[in-house]
Protein backbone atom coordinates (compact mmCIF):
# COMPACT_ATOMS: atom_id res chain seq x y z
CA MET A 1 -11.50 -2.45 -12.43
CA ALA A 2 -11.96 1.31 -13.26
CA ALA A 3 -9.73 2.23 -10.28
CA ALA A 4 -6.97 0.34 -11.81
CA ASP A 5 -7.30 2.42 -15.06
CA ALA A 6 -5.60 -0.47 -17.09
CA GLY A 7 -5.00 0.25 -20.92
CA ALA A 8 -4.02 -2.42 -23.46
CA ALA A 9 -0.31 -1.86 -23.29
CA ASP A 10 -0.41 -2.21 -19.55
CA VAL A 11 0.80 -4.98 -17.53
CA VAL A 12 -1.35 -6.27 -14.72
CA LEU A 13 -0.12 -8.55 -11.84
CA GLU A 14 -3.05 -9.70 -9.41
CA ILE A 15 -1.83 -10.79 -6.07
CA GLY A 16 -4.39 -13.85 -4.61
CA ALA A 17 -5.96 -14.55 -8.10
CA GLY A 18 -8.23 -17.30 -6.36
CA LEU A 19 -10.73 -18.39 -8.56
CA GLY A 20 -10.10 -15.88 -11.31
CA THR A 21 -13.14 -13.82 -11.37
CA LEU A 22 -11.18 -10.66 -11.26
CA THR A 23 -8.70 -12.32 -13.38
CA ALA A 24 -10.72 -13.27 -16.51
CA THR A 25 -12.35 -9.32 -16.05
CA LEU A 26 -8.71 -8.15 -16.32
CA ALA A 27 -7.67 -10.33 -19.21
CA ALA A 28 -11.01 -9.17 -21.04
CA PRO A 29 -9.60 -6.55 -24.11
CA PRO A 30 -10.37 -2.99 -22.17
CA ALA A 31 -12.12 -2.11 -25.50
CA PRO A 32 -13.80 -3.88 -28.40
CA ALA A 33 -11.26 -3.19 -30.97
CA ALA A 34 -8.53 -3.18 -28.25
CA PRO A 35 -6.06 -5.99 -27.75
CA PRO A 36 -6.04 -7.65 -24.71
CA ARG A 37 -3.70 -6.40 -21.91
CA ARG A 38 -1.25 -9.03 -20.46
CA VAL A 39 -2.19 -10.16 -17.05
CA ILE A 40 0.23 -12.07 -14.27
CA ALA A 41 -2.18 -14.26 -11.75
CA VAL A 42 -0.45 -14.75 -8.71
CA GLU A 43 -1.74 -17.68 -6.61
CA ARG A 44 0.17 -20.19 -3.97
CA GLU A 45 -3.14 -22.71 -3.13
CA PRO A 46 -2.98 -25.73 -5.36
CA ASP A 47 -6.61 -26.36 -5.18
CA MET A 48 -6.94 -22.71 -6.56
CA LEU A 49 -4.39 -23.24 -9.05
CA MET A 50 -5.89 -26.36 -10.62
CA VAL A 51 -9.24 -23.73 -10.83
CA LEU A 52 -7.26 -21.14 -12.51
CA ARG A 53 -5.37 -23.34 -14.68
CA GLY A 54 -9.10 -24.66 -15.83
CA GLU A 55 -10.57 -21.53 -16.16
CA LEU A 56 -8.10 -19.73 -17.86
CA ALA A 57 -6.54 -22.48 -20.02
CA GLY A 58 -7.47 -20.17 -23.35
CA ALA A 59 -6.35 -17.10 -22.15
CA GLY A 60 -3.01 -16.62 -24.09
CA ASN A 61 -2.48 -13.05 -22.32
CA VAL A 62 -2.77 -14.51 -18.80
CA GLU A 63 0.31 -16.26 -17.32
CA ILE A 64 -0.27 -18.09 -13.91
CA VAL A 65 2.42 -18.06 -11.37
CA ALA A 66 2.54 -20.51 -8.49
CA ALA A 67 4.01 -18.67 -5.81
CA ASP A 68 3.25 -16.35 -2.79
CA ALA A 69 3.19 -12.91 -3.58
CA ALA A 70 5.86 -11.86 -0.92
CA ALA A 71 8.51 -14.03 -2.82
CA VAL A 72 7.74 -12.36 -6.35
CA ASP A 73 10.58 -10.18 -7.75
CA LEU A 74 8.32 -7.09 -8.78
CA ALA A 75 11.26 -5.11 -10.02
CA ALA A 76 12.38 -8.17 -12.09
CA VAL A 77 8.84 -8.39 -13.69
CA ALA A 78 8.39 -4.90 -14.19
CA ALA A 79 11.66 -4.80 -16.21
CA ALA A 80 10.99 -7.92 -18.17
CA ALA A 81 7.57 -6.26 -19.08
CA GLY A 82 9.59 -2.80 -19.79
CA ARG A 83 7.52 -0.59 -17.68
CA PRO A 84 5.74 -0.48 -14.35
CA LEU A 85 2.98 -2.88 -12.92
CA ILE A 86 -0.51 -2.31 -12.10
CA VAL A 87 -0.70 -4.38 -9.03
CA VAL A 88 -4.42 -5.17 -8.05
CA GLY A 89 -5.85 -7.67 -5.39
CA ASN A 90 -7.69 -8.63 -2.50
CA LEU A 91 -5.00 -8.60 0.52
CA PRO A 92 -5.55 -11.29 3.00
CA TYR A 93 -6.47 -9.19 6.33
CA GLN A 94 -3.86 -10.93 8.63
CA ILE A 95 -1.05 -9.82 6.20
CA ALA A 96 -2.35 -6.97 4.39
CA SER A 97 0.09 -4.64 5.91
CA PRO A 98 3.55 -6.21 5.52
CA ILE A 99 2.22 -7.01 1.73
CA LEU A 100 1.46 -3.23 1.34
CA PHE A 101 4.53 -2.13 2.39
CA ARG A 102 6.72 -4.46 0.50
CA LEU A 103 4.83 -3.12 -2.36
CA LEU A 104 5.31 0.41 -1.60
CA GLU A 105 8.96 -0.29 -0.93
CA THR A 106 9.49 -1.57 -4.49
CA ARG A 107 7.30 1.72 -5.63
CA GLY A 108 9.81 2.02 -8.65
CA ALA A 109 8.50 -1.17 -10.42
CA ILE A 110 4.86 -0.30 -9.72
CA ALA A 111 2.79 2.37 -11.48
CA ARG A 112 -0.22 1.90 -9.05
CA ILE A 113 -2.07 -0.04 -6.49
CA VAL A 114 -5.29 -0.98 -5.93
CA VAL A 115 -6.10 -3.50 -3.63
CA MET A 116 -9.22 -4.51 -1.25
CA LEU A 117 -8.71 -4.26 2.47
CA GLN A 118 -10.40 -4.46 5.65
CA LYS A 119 -12.31 -1.05 6.07
CA GLU A 120 -10.60 0.07 9.31
CA MET A 121 -7.40 -0.52 7.51
CA ALA A 122 -8.28 1.24 4.82
CA ASP A 123 -9.72 4.34 6.99
CA ARG A 124 -6.72 4.68 8.81
CA ILE A 125 -4.47 5.01 5.72
CA VAL A 126 -6.48 7.86 4.24
CA ALA A 127 -7.42 9.54 7.61
CA PRO A 128 -5.80 13.29 7.55
CA PRO A 129 -3.83 14.76 10.39
CA GLY A 130 -6.03 15.27 13.50
CA GLU A 131 -8.23 12.58 13.18
CA LYS A 132 -8.60 9.74 15.58
CA ALA A 133 -7.76 7.25 13.08
CA TYR A 134 -4.88 9.05 11.90
CA GLY A 135 -1.77 7.09 13.16
CA ALA A 136 1.63 5.77 12.11
CA LEU A 137 0.13 3.88 9.18
CA SER A 138 -1.16 6.83 7.70
CA VAL A 139 1.96 8.61 7.83
CA MET A 140 4.03 5.86 6.60
CA VAL A 141 1.97 4.96 3.34
CA ARG A 142 1.72 8.84 2.59
CA PHE A 143 5.32 8.93 2.78
CA TYR A 144 5.51 6.36 -0.15
CA GLY A 145 2.60 6.87 -1.85
CA THR A 146 -0.69 8.84 -2.25
CA PRO A 147 -3.60 6.72 -1.09
CA LYS A 148 -7.42 7.23 -2.09
CA LEU A 149 -10.55 5.32 -0.92
CA VAL A 150 -12.22 4.11 -3.95
CA CYS A 151 -15.20 2.53 -2.44
CA ARG A 152 -16.50 0.57 0.70
CA VAL A 153 -17.51 -3.27 0.46
CA ARG A 154 -20.09 -4.64 2.74
CA ALA A 155 -19.75 -7.85 4.37
CA GLY A 156 -22.81 -9.26 2.70
CA GLY A 157 -21.51 -8.89 -0.71
CA PHE A 158 -18.96 -11.92 -0.30
CA VAL A 159 -19.97 -15.53 -0.11
CA PRO A 160 -19.18 -16.54 2.83
CA ALA A 161 -19.55 -13.27 4.33
CA PRO A 162 -16.31 -12.40 6.48
CA ARG A 163 -17.09 -10.43 9.78
CA VAL A 164 -15.69 -7.19 8.80
CA ASP A 165 -16.65 -4.75 5.80
CA SER A 166 -13.73 -4.10 3.39
CA ALA A 167 -12.72 -0.86 1.17
CA VAL A 168 -11.10 -0.67 -1.98
CA LEU A 169 -7.94 1.72 -2.11
CA ARG A 170 -5.87 3.11 -4.75
CA ILE A 171 -2.48 4.31 -4.06
CA VAL A 172 -0.39 5.98 -6.65
CA PRO A 173 3.45 5.84 -5.46
CA HIS A 174 5.72 8.99 -5.50
CA ALA A 175 8.01 9.16 -8.26
CA ALA A 176 10.49 10.47 -5.90
CA ARG A 177 10.29 10.41 -1.82
CA PRO A 178 11.91 12.66 0.45
CA ALA A 179 15.52 12.90 0.82
CA VAL A 180 15.65 11.32 4.19
CA ASP A 181 16.62 7.84 5.95
CA GLU A 182 13.57 5.57 5.63
CA GLN A 183 14.40 3.69 8.88
CA GLN A 184 15.02 6.75 11.00
CA PHE A 185 11.92 8.66 9.54
CA SER A 186 9.87 5.24 10.57
CA ARG A 187 11.73 5.26 13.73
CA VAL A 188 10.54 8.79 14.54
CA VAL A 189 7.05 8.48 13.12
CA HIS A 190 6.48 5.01 15.43
CA ALA A 191 7.86 6.88 18.56
CA ALA A 192 5.30 9.93 18.02
CA PHE A 193 2.71 7.71 18.20
CA GLY A 194 4.27 4.97 20.64
CA GLN A 195 2.47 7.07 23.34
CA ARG A 196 -0.64 8.90 22.19
CA ARG A 197 -1.58 10.80 25.50
CA LYS A 198 2.00 12.27 25.64
CA THR A 199 3.12 15.54 24.13
CA LEU A 200 5.20 15.12 21.18
CA ARG A 201 8.42 16.25 22.88
CA ASN A 202 7.78 13.59 25.67
CA ALA A 203 6.78 10.99 23.57
CA LEU A 204 9.93 11.22 21.17
CA SER A 205 11.99 11.53 24.28
CA ALA A 206 11.38 7.96 25.48
CA ALA A 207 13.18 6.99 22.19
CA PHE A 208 15.97 9.87 21.76
CA ASP A 209 17.95 11.96 23.97
CA ALA A 210 15.74 14.81 25.38
CA GLY A 211 18.24 17.62 24.71
CA VAL A 212 18.65 16.13 20.84
CA VAL A 213 14.61 16.17 20.57
CA ASP A 214 14.49 19.88 21.99
CA GLY A 215 16.99 20.95 19.45
CA ALA A 216 15.37 19.01 16.77
CA LEU A 217 11.69 20.52 17.48
CA ALA A 218 13.24 23.90 17.48
CA ALA A 219 15.46 23.72 14.25
CA ALA A 220 12.23 21.76 12.42
CA SER A 221 9.90 24.72 14.19
CA ILE A 222 7.38 22.48 15.42
CA ASP A 223 6.12 23.08 18.96
CA GLY A 224 7.07 19.95 21.37
CA GLN A 225 3.56 20.46 23.18
CA ARG A 226 1.73 19.23 20.05
CA ARG A 227 0.75 15.44 19.74
CA GLY A 228 2.06 13.19 16.80
CA GLU A 229 -1.68 12.90 15.41
CA THR A 230 -1.38 16.60 14.51
CA LEU A 231 1.64 16.48 12.35
CA SER A 232 1.78 16.16 8.48
CA VAL A 233 4.08 14.10 6.73
CA ASP A 234 6.33 16.93 5.61
CA GLU A 235 6.74 17.89 9.47
CA PHE A 236 7.85 14.39 10.08
CA VAL A 237 10.28 14.55 7.56
CA ALA A 238 11.79 17.90 8.75
CA LEU A 239 11.83 16.64 12.17
CA THR A 240 13.52 13.41 10.97
CA LYS A 241 16.42 15.69 9.08
CA ALA A 242 16.48 17.64 12.11
CA LEU A 243 17.15 14.88 14.64
CA ASP A 244 19.83 13.78 12.07
CA ALA A 245 21.78 17.00 12.02
């Protein structure tokens, strides 16, 4: 809750509200004399919706939306609210990545994201260049925003307990992203990590013309004998621009 840093004037959108435990906490006034903030609780499961409506029937500041989070028009919700949203939620492990990237792609409508993920995924996102966990996911998330690990949550803290530990991650979307084609950037990043044991030059040459790769590496002042896991986001941006030149 503290990581969301939601004030009375903020609008919080919760993904997968479930039984409403977090929803009720979010809906409470942030301070004794402060008005309650507005909370939009998104839930798609009929059984959970019945519980939510029963538990939060008297909360005038809570709007329950029966929908798949992936189908919610965040830009429209933010426009109606008159301010960027604070998005929170416990993301289902099997679809966490597509939901997270959809949020980041709608970054203009979002002030910050605070979500619980599988610990392994969170560790990959925050890993710095050079670490074993650093990969395409690390680079792509950093392209859109600044991630920070808030805390780790042991599996035993849930009932029933999942098979893996979790972690809470806070991501603040960049106000402006680098002026580079997003699809090409993604292609370059995934090519660089597609064959991790190969040098950057050889890995990129599997997806781009070798001569073009050599020229781009020289233009970006990047040694082609390095490996993808050593490059920063800025270096990937420079390389993408060089390949597009």
